[in-house]
Protein backbone atom coordinates (compact mmCIF):
# COMPACT_ATOMS: atom_id res chain seq x y z
CA UNK A 1 0.02 -0.03 0.03
CA UNK A 2 1.88 2.98 -1.34
CA UNK A 3 1.30 6.70 -0.88
CA UNK A 4 -0.05 7.86 -4.18
CA UNK A 5 -1.05 11.40 -3.47
CA UNK A 6 -0.73 14.08 -0.80
CA UNK A 7 -2.86 17.26 -0.81
CA UNK A 8 -3.24 20.16 1.61
CA UNK A 9 -6.66 21.71 2.24
CA UNK A 10 -6.84 25.07 3.85
CA UNK A 11 -10.19 26.13 5.41
CA UNK A 12 -11.24 29.12 7.51
CA UNK A 13 -14.27 28.70 9.71
CA UNK A 14 -15.68 31.78 11.48
CA UNK A 15 -15.57 31.66 15.24
CA UNK A 16 -16.50 33.67 18.37
CA UNK A 17 -14.64 33.49 21.55
CA UNK A 18 -17.00 35.94 23.33
CA UNK A 19 -14.54 38.51 24.44
CA UNK A 20 -14.03 42.16 23.52
CA UNK A 21 -10.25 42.00 23.56
CA UNK A 22 -7.99 40.02 21.22
CA UNK A 23 -7.23 36.54 22.13
CA UNK A 24 -3.83 34.91 22.46
CA UNK A 25 -1.00 36.28 20.29
CA UNK A 26 -2.84 39.61 19.65
CA UNK A 27 -5.12 38.09 17.03
CA UNK A 28 -8.78 38.82 17.08
CA UNK A 29 -9.77 35.19 16.50
CA UNK A 30 -12.66 35.82 14.26
CA UNK A 31 -11.70 32.96 12.07
CA UNK A 32 -10.25 29.53 12.89
CA UNK A 33 -7.61 28.77 10.28
CA UNK A 34 -7.00 24.96 9.65
CA UNK A 35 -4.77 23.05 7.36
CA UNK A 36 -5.81 19.42 6.51
CA UNK A 37 -3.46 16.92 5.05
CA UNK A 38 -5.20 14.53 2.71
CA UNK A 39 -3.27 11.30 1.87
CA UNK A 40 -4.52 8.85 -0.69
CA UNK A 41 -2.94 5.35 -1.23
CA UNK A 42 -2.74 3.37 -4.41
CA UNK A 43 -5.38 1.14 -3.02
CA UNK A 44 -7.84 3.93 -2.66
CA UNK A 45 -7.72 4.36 1.12
CA UNK A 46 -7.80 8.03 2.10
CA UNK A 47 -6.64 9.41 5.43
CA UNK A 48 -6.77 13.01 6.88
CA UNK A 49 -4.35 14.73 9.15
CA UNK A 50 -4.10 18.10 10.81
CA UNK A 51 -1.08 20.33 10.72
CA UNK A 52 -0.63 23.17 13.18
CA UNK A 53 -0.80 26.47 11.31
CA UNK A 54 -2.78 29.43 12.61
CA UNK A 55 -0.83 32.42 11.29
CA UNK A 56 1.94 30.39 9.72
CA UNK A 57 -0.27 28.35 7.36
CA UNK A 58 1.33 29.42 4.10
CA UNK A 59 4.75 28.28 5.41
CA UNK A 60 3.39 24.93 6.74
CA UNK A 61 1.59 24.37 3.47
CA UNK A 62 4.72 25.05 1.46
CA UNK A 63 6.77 22.73 3.66
CA UNK A 64 4.30 19.94 3.03
CA UNK A 65 3.98 20.46 -0.64
CA UNK A 66 7.52 21.24 -1.61
CA UNK A 67 9.64 19.41 0.83
CA UNK A 68 7.72 16.48 2.54
CA UNK A 69 5.26 15.30 -0.13
CA UNK A 70 7.92 14.73 -2.84
CA UNK A 71 9.82 12.52 -0.34
CA UNK A 72 6.76 10.62 0.86
CA UNK A 73 4.80 9.83 -2.28
CA UNK A 74 5.63 6.35 -3.38
CA UNK A 75 6.61 5.14 0.10
CA UNK A 76 4.89 2.33 1.93
CA UNK A 77 2.05 4.02 3.83
CA UNK A 78 1.94 1.18 6.53
CA UNK A 79 5.51 1.70 7.63
CA UNK A 80 4.77 4.88 9.57
CA UNK A 81 7.59 4.84 12.11
CA UNK A 82 10.37 4.23 9.64
CA UNK A 83 8.95 6.87 7.17
CA UNK A 84 8.66 9.50 9.87
CA UNK A 85 12.13 8.77 11.05
CA UNK A 86 13.60 9.02 7.62
CA UNK A 87 11.79 12.28 6.91
CA UNK A 88 13.11 13.79 10.14
CA UNK A 89 16.66 12.58 9.21
CA UNK A 90 16.40 13.81 5.67
CA UNK A 91 15.08 17.22 6.53
CA UNK A 92 16.89 17.99 9.80
CA UNK A 93 19.32 20.47 8.25
CA UNK A 94 16.28 22.79 7.54
CA UNK A 95 15.34 22.93 11.18
CA UNK A 96 14.32 20.18 13.61
CA UNK A 97 11.45 22.03 15.14
CA UNK A 98 8.62 24.46 14.09
CA UNK A 99 7.26 24.64 10.63
CA UNK A 100 8.62 21.38 9.23
CA UNK A 101 7.54 19.42 12.33
CA UNK A 102 3.98 20.94 12.06
CA UNK A 103 3.70 19.76 8.50
CA UNK A 104 5.16 16.25 9.34
CA UNK A 105 2.65 15.87 12.25
CA UNK A 106 -0.13 16.40 9.71
CA UNK A 107 1.23 13.70 7.49
CA UNK A 108 1.76 11.35 10.48
CA UNK A 109 -1.88 11.70 11.65
CA UNK A 110 -3.19 11.06 8.13
CA UNK A 111 -1.17 7.80 7.93
CA UNK A 112 -2.54 6.59 11.25
CA UNK A 113 -5.95 7.42 9.92
CA UNK A 114 -5.24 5.25 7.02
CA UNK A 115 -3.84 2.44 9.21
CA UNK A 116 -7.08 2.28 11.13
CA UNK A 117 -9.29 2.41 8.04
CA UNK A 118 -7.19 -0.27 6.35
CA UNK A 119 -8.02 -2.79 9.16
CA UNK A 120 -11.51 -1.38 10.00
CA UNK A 121 -10.63 -0.27 13.53
CA UNK A 122 -10.64 3.04 15.35
CA UNK A 123 -7.24 4.45 16.23
CA UNK A 124 -7.53 3.68 19.88
CA UNK A 125 -7.78 0.01 19.09
CA UNK A 126 -4.41 0.19 17.35
CA UNK A 127 -2.94 1.88 20.35
CA UNK A 128 -4.01 -0.97 22.75
CA UNK A 129 -7.77 -0.44 23.19
CA UNK A 130 -9.93 2.06 24.98
CA UNK A 131 -9.25 2.30 28.70
CA UNK A 132 -12.04 4.80 29.28
CA UNK A 133 -15.51 5.34 28.00
CA UNK A 134 -15.33 9.06 27.90
CA UNK A 135 -12.83 11.83 28.67
CA UNK A 136 -13.33 14.81 30.98
CA UNK A 137 -12.50 18.06 29.24
CA UNK A 138 -11.43 21.50 30.60
CA UNK A 139 -12.84 24.68 29.10
CA UNK A 140 -9.81 26.58 27.76
CA UNK A 141 -10.87 30.19 27.82
CA UNK A 142 -9.44 32.83 25.78
CA UNK A 143 -7.38 35.84 27.09
CA UNK A 144 -9.97 38.59 27.87
CA UNK A 145 -7.92 41.02 29.98
CA UNK A 146 -11.15 41.98 31.80
CA UNK A 147 -12.32 40.55 35.11
CA UNK A 148 -15.96 40.94 34.32
CA UNK A 149 -15.69 38.94 31.00
CA UNK A 150 -13.58 36.35 32.80
CA UNK A 151 -16.20 35.88 35.43
CA UNK A 152 -18.97 35.73 32.85
CA UNK A 153 -17.20 33.10 30.66
CA UNK A 154 -16.20 31.08 33.76
CA UNK A 155 -19.90 30.81 34.57
CA UNK A 156 -20.82 29.93 31.05
CA UNK A 157 -18.33 27.08 31.15
CA UNK A 158 -19.63 25.85 34.47
CA UNK A 159 -23.27 26.02 33.16
CA UNK A 160 -22.16 23.78 30.21
CA UNK A 161 -21.00 21.14 32.62
CA UNK A 162 -17.27 21.76 32.70
CA UNK A 163 -15.55 20.74 35.98
CA UNK A 164 -12.13 22.27 35.01
CA UNK A 165 -11.41 25.85 33.82
CA UNK A 166 -8.36 27.11 32.16
CA UNK A 167 -7.64 30.85 31.99
CA UNK A 168 -5.24 32.50 29.51
CA UNK A 169 -4.66 35.42 31.95
CA UNK A 170 -1.50 36.61 33.72
CA UNK A 171 -2.56 38.78 36.68
CA UNK A 172 -4.50 38.65 39.89
CA UNK A 173 -7.77 40.59 39.12
CA UNK A 174 -8.75 38.20 36.36
CA UNK A 175 -7.78 35.05 38.18
CA UNK A 176 -9.58 36.23 41.31
CA UNK A 177 -12.71 36.89 39.16
CA UNK A 178 -12.66 33.30 37.95
CA UNK A 179 -12.10 31.94 41.49
CA UNK A 180 -14.82 33.97 42.98
CA UNK A 181 -17.36 32.50 40.46
CA UNK A 182 -16.01 28.92 40.43
CA UNK A 183 -15.60 28.57 44.28
CA UNK A 184 -12.95 26.76 46.04
CA UNK A 185 -13.37 23.24 44.64
CA UNK A 186 -13.33 23.73 40.79
CA UNK A 187 -9.66 23.28 39.39
CA UNK A 188 -8.39 26.52 37.68
CA UNK A 189 -5.42 26.41 35.38
CA UNK A 190 -3.56 29.51 34.36
CA UNK A 191 -1.78 29.58 31.03
CA UNK A 192 0.42 32.69 30.66
CA UNK A 193 1.91 31.93 27.32
CA UNK A 194 5.69 32.49 28.17
CA UNK A 195 5.80 36.03 29.30
CA UNK A 196 8.50 36.26 32.08
CA UNK A 197 11.97 35.71 33.16
CA UNK A 198 12.29 33.00 35.78
CA UNK A 199 12.53 35.58 38.57
CA UNK A 200 9.50 37.41 37.28
CA UNK A 201 7.58 34.09 36.92
CA UNK A 202 8.54 33.19 40.57
CA UNK A 203 7.20 36.56 41.80
CA UNK A 204 3.99 36.28 39.75
CA UNK A 205 3.49 32.61 40.78
CA UNK A 206 3.61 33.67 44.42
CA UNK A 207 0.94 36.33 43.71
CA UNK A 208 -1.30 33.79 41.98
CA UNK A 209 -0.74 31.01 44.51
CA UNK A 210 -3.52 32.09 46.90
CA UNK A 211 -6.05 31.33 44.21
CA UNK A 212 -4.98 27.77 44.25
CA UNK A 213 -3.86 27.15 40.56
CA UNK A 214 -4.22 23.65 39.48
CA UNK A 215 -1.17 24.43 37.39
CA UNK A 216 0.74 27.46 36.06
CA UNK A 217 1.42 27.04 32.41
CA UNK A 218 4.39 28.18 30.51
CA UNK A 219 5.37 31.13 32.77
CA UNK A 220 8.87 31.44 31.36
CA UNK A 221 10.30 32.65 28.17
CA UNK A 222 11.83 31.03 26.14
CA UNK A 223 9.67 27.96 26.57
CA UNK A 224 12.59 25.54 26.24
CA UNK A 225 14.20 27.11 29.48
CA UNK A 226 13.55 23.91 31.38
CA UNK A 227 15.91 24.82 34.23
CA UNK A 228 14.02 28.03 34.66
CA UNK A 229 10.63 26.29 34.80
CA UNK A 230 12.13 23.83 37.33
CA UNK A 231 13.25 26.74 39.42
CA UNK A 232 9.85 28.36 39.49
CA UNK A 233 8.15 25.14 40.46
CA UNK A 234 10.66 24.29 43.19
CA UNK A 235 10.74 27.88 44.63
CA UNK A 236 6.96 28.38 44.76
CA UNK A 237 5.35 24.97 45.09
CA UNK A 238 3.02 25.84 42.23
CA UNK A 239 2.73 22.92 39.82
CA UNK A 240 4.11 23.79 36.34
CA UNK A 241 2.68 22.64 32.98
CA UNK A 242 4.45 22.94 29.63
CA UNK A 243 5.05 21.30 26.27
CA UNK A 244 2.72 22.77 23.70
CA UNK A 245 5.84 24.36 22.10
CA UNK A 246 7.93 21.24 22.31
CA UNK A 247 8.63 19.26 19.06
CA UNK A 248 9.71 15.57 19.13
CA UNK A 249 10.21 13.39 22.14
CA UNK A 250 13.76 14.63 22.53
CA UNK A 251 12.65 17.98 23.90
CA UNK A 252 10.29 16.19 26.34
CA UNK A 253 13.26 14.04 27.40
CA UNK A 254 15.24 17.10 28.37
CA UNK A 255 12.19 18.64 30.05
CA UNK A 256 11.68 15.68 32.31
CA UNK A 257 15.34 15.36 33.05
CA UNK A 258 15.24 18.83 34.48
CA UNK A 259 12.29 18.07 36.68
CA UNK A 260 10.69 21.12 34.91
CA UNK A 261 6.93 20.07 34.96
CA UNK A 262 4.30 18.26 36.85
CA UNK A 263 2.07 18.21 33.72
CA UNK A 264 3.35 17.54 30.24
CA UNK A 265 1.44 18.97 27.24
CA UNK A 266 2.36 17.47 23.95
CA UNK A 267 0.54 18.79 20.96
CA UNK A 268 -0.15 16.00 18.37
CA UNK A 269 -0.19 18.63 15.56
CA UNK A 270 3.19 20.01 16.55
CA UNK A 271 5.10 17.30 18.34
CA UNK A 272 5.40 14.98 15.37
CA UNK A 273 2.04 13.44 15.16
CA UNK A 274 0.71 10.27 16.82
CA UNK A 275 4.14 8.58 16.42
CA UNK A 276 6.03 11.12 18.64
CA UNK A 277 3.10 11.64 20.97
CA UNK A 278 3.30 7.96 21.96
CA UNK A 279 6.98 8.24 22.82
CA UNK A 280 6.22 11.26 25.00
CA UNK A 281 3.41 9.43 26.75
CA UNK A 282 5.72 6.54 27.57
CA UNK A 283 8.34 8.81 28.85
CA UNK A 284 5.97 10.81 30.98
CA UNK A 285 4.68 7.67 32.69
CA UNK A 286 8.26 6.61 33.50
CA UNK A 287 9.02 10.06 34.79
CA UNK A 288 5.88 10.31 37.03
CA UNK A 289 4.66 13.26 34.98
CA UNK A 290 0.97 13.63 34.19
CA UNK A 291 0.08 13.77 30.57
CA UNK A 292 -2.45 16.52 29.75
CA UNK A 293 -2.18 17.29 25.98
CA UNK A 294 -2.49 20.62 24.27
CA UNK A 295 -5.38 20.34 21.83
CA UNK A 296 -7.05 23.66 20.80
CA UNK A 297 -8.17 22.11 17.56
CA UNK A 298 -11.50 21.04 15.86
CA UNK A 299 -10.22 18.74 13.24
CA UNK A 300 -8.31 15.50 13.08
CA UNK A 301 -5.78 16.85 15.67
CA UNK A 302 -8.54 16.94 18.42
CA UNK A 303 -9.88 13.49 17.35
CA UNK A 304 -6.47 11.99 17.27
CA UNK A 305 -5.83 13.30 20.76
CA UNK A 306 -9.05 11.80 21.99
CA UNK A 307 -8.01 8.38 20.70
CA UNK A 308 -4.47 8.78 22.29
CA UNK A 309 -5.86 9.80 25.62
CA UNK A 310 -8.74 7.13 25.75
CA UNK A 311 -6.00 4.51 25.34
CA UNK A 312 -3.93 5.82 28.25
CA UNK A 313 -4.19 3.73 31.48
CA UNK A 314 -4.17 6.82 33.71
CA UNK A 315 -7.19 9.04 34.12
CA UNK A 316 -7.21 11.44 31.16
CA UNK A 317 -8.03 15.13 30.87
CA UNK A 318 -8.19 17.03 27.60
CA UNK A 319 -8.39 20.64 26.35
CA UNK A 320 -11.38 22.10 24.63
CA UNK A 321 -11.09 25.61 23.25
CA UNK A 322 -14.09 27.59 24.64
CA UNK A 323 -15.40 29.14 21.36
CA UNK A 324 -18.29 28.80 19.10
CA UNK A 325 -17.70 27.73 15.42
CA UNK A 326 -19.99 28.53 12.55
CA UNK A 327 -19.54 25.00 11.16
CA UNK A 328 -18.02 21.69 12.07
CA UNK A 329 -16.12 19.20 9.98
CA UNK A 330 -17.19 16.32 12.29
CA UNK A 331 -20.65 17.32 13.60
CA UNK A 332 -20.95 16.94 17.34
CA UNK A 333 -17.74 14.91 17.72
CA UNK A 334 -15.89 18.16 18.48
CA UNK A 335 -18.35 19.08 21.27
CA UNK A 336 -18.55 17.93 24.91
CA UNK A 337 -21.64 16.80 26.77
CA UNK A 338 -21.68 17.89 30.39
CA UNK A 339 -17.97 18.53 30.14
CA UNK A 340 -17.05 15.11 28.59
CA UNK A 341 -15.77 13.95 25.22
CA UNK A 342 -16.43 10.63 23.64
CA UNK A 343 -13.87 9.25 21.25
CA UNK A 344 -14.95 8.33 17.69
CA UNK A 345 -15.71 4.75 17.10
CA UNK A 346 -15.52 4.86 13.27
CA UNK A 347 -12.34 3.33 11.62
CA UNK A 348 -9.18 5.38 11.75
CA UNK A 349 -9.01 8.77 13.41
CA UNK A 350 -12.43 10.07 12.39
CA UNK A 351 -15.20 9.76 9.91
CA UNK A 352 -14.89 11.50 6.55
CA UNK A 353 -14.90 15.37 7.00
CA UNK A 354 -18.12 16.97 5.88
CA UNK A 355 -17.56 17.78 2.14
CA UNK A 356 -19.98 20.72 2.40
CA UNK A 357 -17.78 22.34 5.10
CA UNK A 358 -14.72 21.70 3.04
CA UNK A 359 -16.32 23.39 0.08
CA UNK A 360 -18.11 26.31 1.77
CA UNK A 361 -15.23 27.30 4.03
CA UNK A 362 -12.24 26.83 1.62
CA UNK A 363 -9.68 29.62 2.39
CA UNK A 364 -9.79 32.42 -0.08
């Protein structure tokens, strides 16, 4: 079963996160940009992957079409591990992390989708079987920079059945607003997106500590400053989470060796796909680090994450971006019920994406 064709599909789905201020990264987040990777074999089996893109979609698309696809077409689609290793080796001189790894992640997810479809089994069956019937989700709120909006969105999430809330705020007034609404028993995570030096992070962690953060996420820049993360965690006693910006299992090995985190957050669309994610999961278990993946997606990346986590022996927890989309590629599979996800049961990663959505929301 050879790879016969690889296509990229760019779509933009209008979205609403409910805040007056821009979301993370200064973007207004009026549209969710996605880049699907469609792989077709010479036997007619088709798989879909999801490459991290957001504002870098043209670069990720070019990497796939000009660098990765010419090397992958004609290769055995069933030999995923060796193909991904060979691609990493062949392309390493152009950068081990970032754009190339985002694109390779999309290809890897598509190949696992094909693997499941080829044998008529959902991905989690190929990963050892489902250890859980459903997965609790945490509502991942946007950065609103306004305590009143934070309080309102926290209440909205609780009303929808979420038992965990993540903020993308950095300072006490917004965190206090969420805690006042949620009460003392609802876990609240705080994702700061790498704003501080280790010393600044230590000071701010101590200011936030009275609000009992379940974890403090990526408080240090650069994100690969693992010794700095370790210092913040050790000095404050506040659990640290990180990993969405880490590519390949090697970065996680260094992270765990530094005792940098209590919670590891590999992102299947950035880390190297399902293949690398599995390596990270095994290392996290050996290092006594809890796996809580980064998954602010609504395509194959989210559904692949669901499969990966439903096959984990430990109690899972997964991220769900707290926004409304105008359309869904996969119907209600991207939504929670009373704060819980259910993994797809169709063969591969997901059912076929809605062709009407692919057509109507194709990027202009």
